[in-house]
Amino acid sequence: GRGSAHTQQAEATARVVNANEEFCAILRLKLADTVIFMAAECDCEEVTHGERRYVELKTSKLIREQRDRTSFEKHKLLKFWLQS
């Protein structure tokens, strides 16, 4: 049988992360009469009840000084917005 949600979460977080592993998804979207194909690279996948979900992890260092904030806003924040 299936374990509790707490047990499943503990097992999932106990797995070793492979930083070289990535998942690619190709999506077909329709906006009014326009069809758009997109490709996306994702960091993780989760399969629950046969449904596959992809997760993109976003990390950054702790902002301690104004210089850190300026660098974060200039480089990381824009990239995050574009990928979301």
Protein backbone atom coordinates (compact mmCIF):
# COMPACT_ATOMS: atom_id res chain seq x y z
CA GLY A 1 0.00 0.00 0.00
CA ARG A 2 0.91 3.62 -0.03
CA GLY A 3 2.65 5.27 2.87
CA SER A 4 1.56 8.47 4.50
CA ALA A 5 2.24 11.78 2.78
CA HIS A 6 4.86 12.51 5.45
CA THR A 7 6.68 9.23 4.70
CA GLN A 8 6.55 9.85 0.94
CA GLN A 9 7.95 13.36 1.41
CA ALA A 10 10.75 12.07 3.65
CA GLU A 11 11.69 9.45 1.06
CA ALA A 12 11.65 12.04 -1.74
CA THR A 13 13.85 14.50 0.14
CA ALA A 14 16.28 11.73 1.17
CA ARG A 15 17.22 11.02 -2.46
CA VAL A 16 20.55 12.34 -3.71
CA VAL A 17 20.20 15.26 -6.12
CA ASN A 18 21.94 14.90 -9.46
CA ALA A 19 22.78 18.43 -10.63
CA ASN A 20 23.42 17.14 -14.17
CA GLU A 21 19.94 15.66 -14.54
CA GLU A 22 17.33 17.73 -16.33
CA PHE A 23 14.03 17.17 -18.04
CA CYS A 24 12.86 18.62 -21.33
CA ALA A 25 9.23 19.20 -22.19
CA ILE A 26 7.65 20.23 -25.48
CA LEU A 27 4.33 21.96 -25.10
CA ARG A 28 1.62 22.84 -27.59
CA LEU A 29 -0.48 25.84 -26.58
CA LYS A 30 -3.38 27.47 -28.34
CA LEU A 31 -4.23 31.14 -27.89
CA ALA A 32 -7.36 32.00 -29.84
CA ASP A 33 -6.51 30.81 -33.39
CA THR A 34 -2.75 30.84 -32.84
CA VAL A 35 -0.90 27.61 -32.03
CA ILE A 36 2.40 27.96 -30.17
CA PHE A 37 4.99 25.25 -29.61
CA MET A 38 7.38 25.74 -26.71
CA ALA A 39 10.30 23.78 -25.35
CA ALA A 40 11.27 23.99 -21.70
CA GLU A 41 14.10 22.58 -19.58
CA CYS A 42 13.07 21.72 -16.04
CA ASP A 43 15.12 20.66 -13.03
CA CYS A 44 12.82 18.06 -11.46
CA GLU A 45 9.82 15.91 -12.13
CA GLU A 46 7.19 14.59 -9.80
CA VAL A 47 4.79 11.82 -10.76
CA THR A 48 1.66 11.65 -8.65
CA HIS A 49 -1.22 9.34 -9.48
CA GLY A 50 0.15 8.90 -13.00
CA GLU A 51 0.28 12.67 -13.64
CA ARG A 52 3.71 14.12 -14.39
CA ARG A 53 4.60 17.59 -13.13
CA TYR A 54 7.81 19.47 -13.79
CA VAL A 55 9.52 21.81 -11.33
CA GLU A 56 12.05 24.55 -11.97
CA LEU A 57 14.29 25.27 -9.00
CA LYS A 58 15.40 28.84 -8.38
CA THR A 59 18.16 29.57 -5.91
CA SER A 60 20.19 32.60 -4.99
CA LYS A 61 22.63 33.57 -2.29
CA LEU A 62 21.53 35.44 0.77
CA ILE A 63 21.34 39.19 0.12
CA ARG A 64 23.44 40.89 2.80
CA GLU A 65 24.56 44.16 1.22
CA GLN A 66 23.29 46.67 -1.32
CA ARG A 67 25.87 45.30 -3.79
CA ASP A 68 24.25 41.85 -3.48
CA ARG A 69 20.79 43.32 -4.07
CA THR A 70 21.97 45.28 -7.12
CA SER A 71 23.57 42.17 -8.63
CA PHE A 72 20.48 40.08 -7.88
CA GLU A 73 18.11 42.59 -9.47
CA LYS A 74 20.35 43.18 -12.48
CA HIS A 75 21.16 39.56 -13.33
CA LYS A 76 19.06 36.99 -11.53
CA LEU A 77 15.65 38.60 -11.16
CA LEU A 78 15.16 39.32 -14.85
CA LYS A 79 16.18 35.78 -15.79
CA PHE A 80 13.75 34.40 -13.20
CA TRP A 81 10.90 36.50 -14.60
CA LEU A 82 11.61 35.41 -18.16
CA GLN A 83 11.68 31.73 -17.21
CA SER A 84 8.50 31.80 -15.10
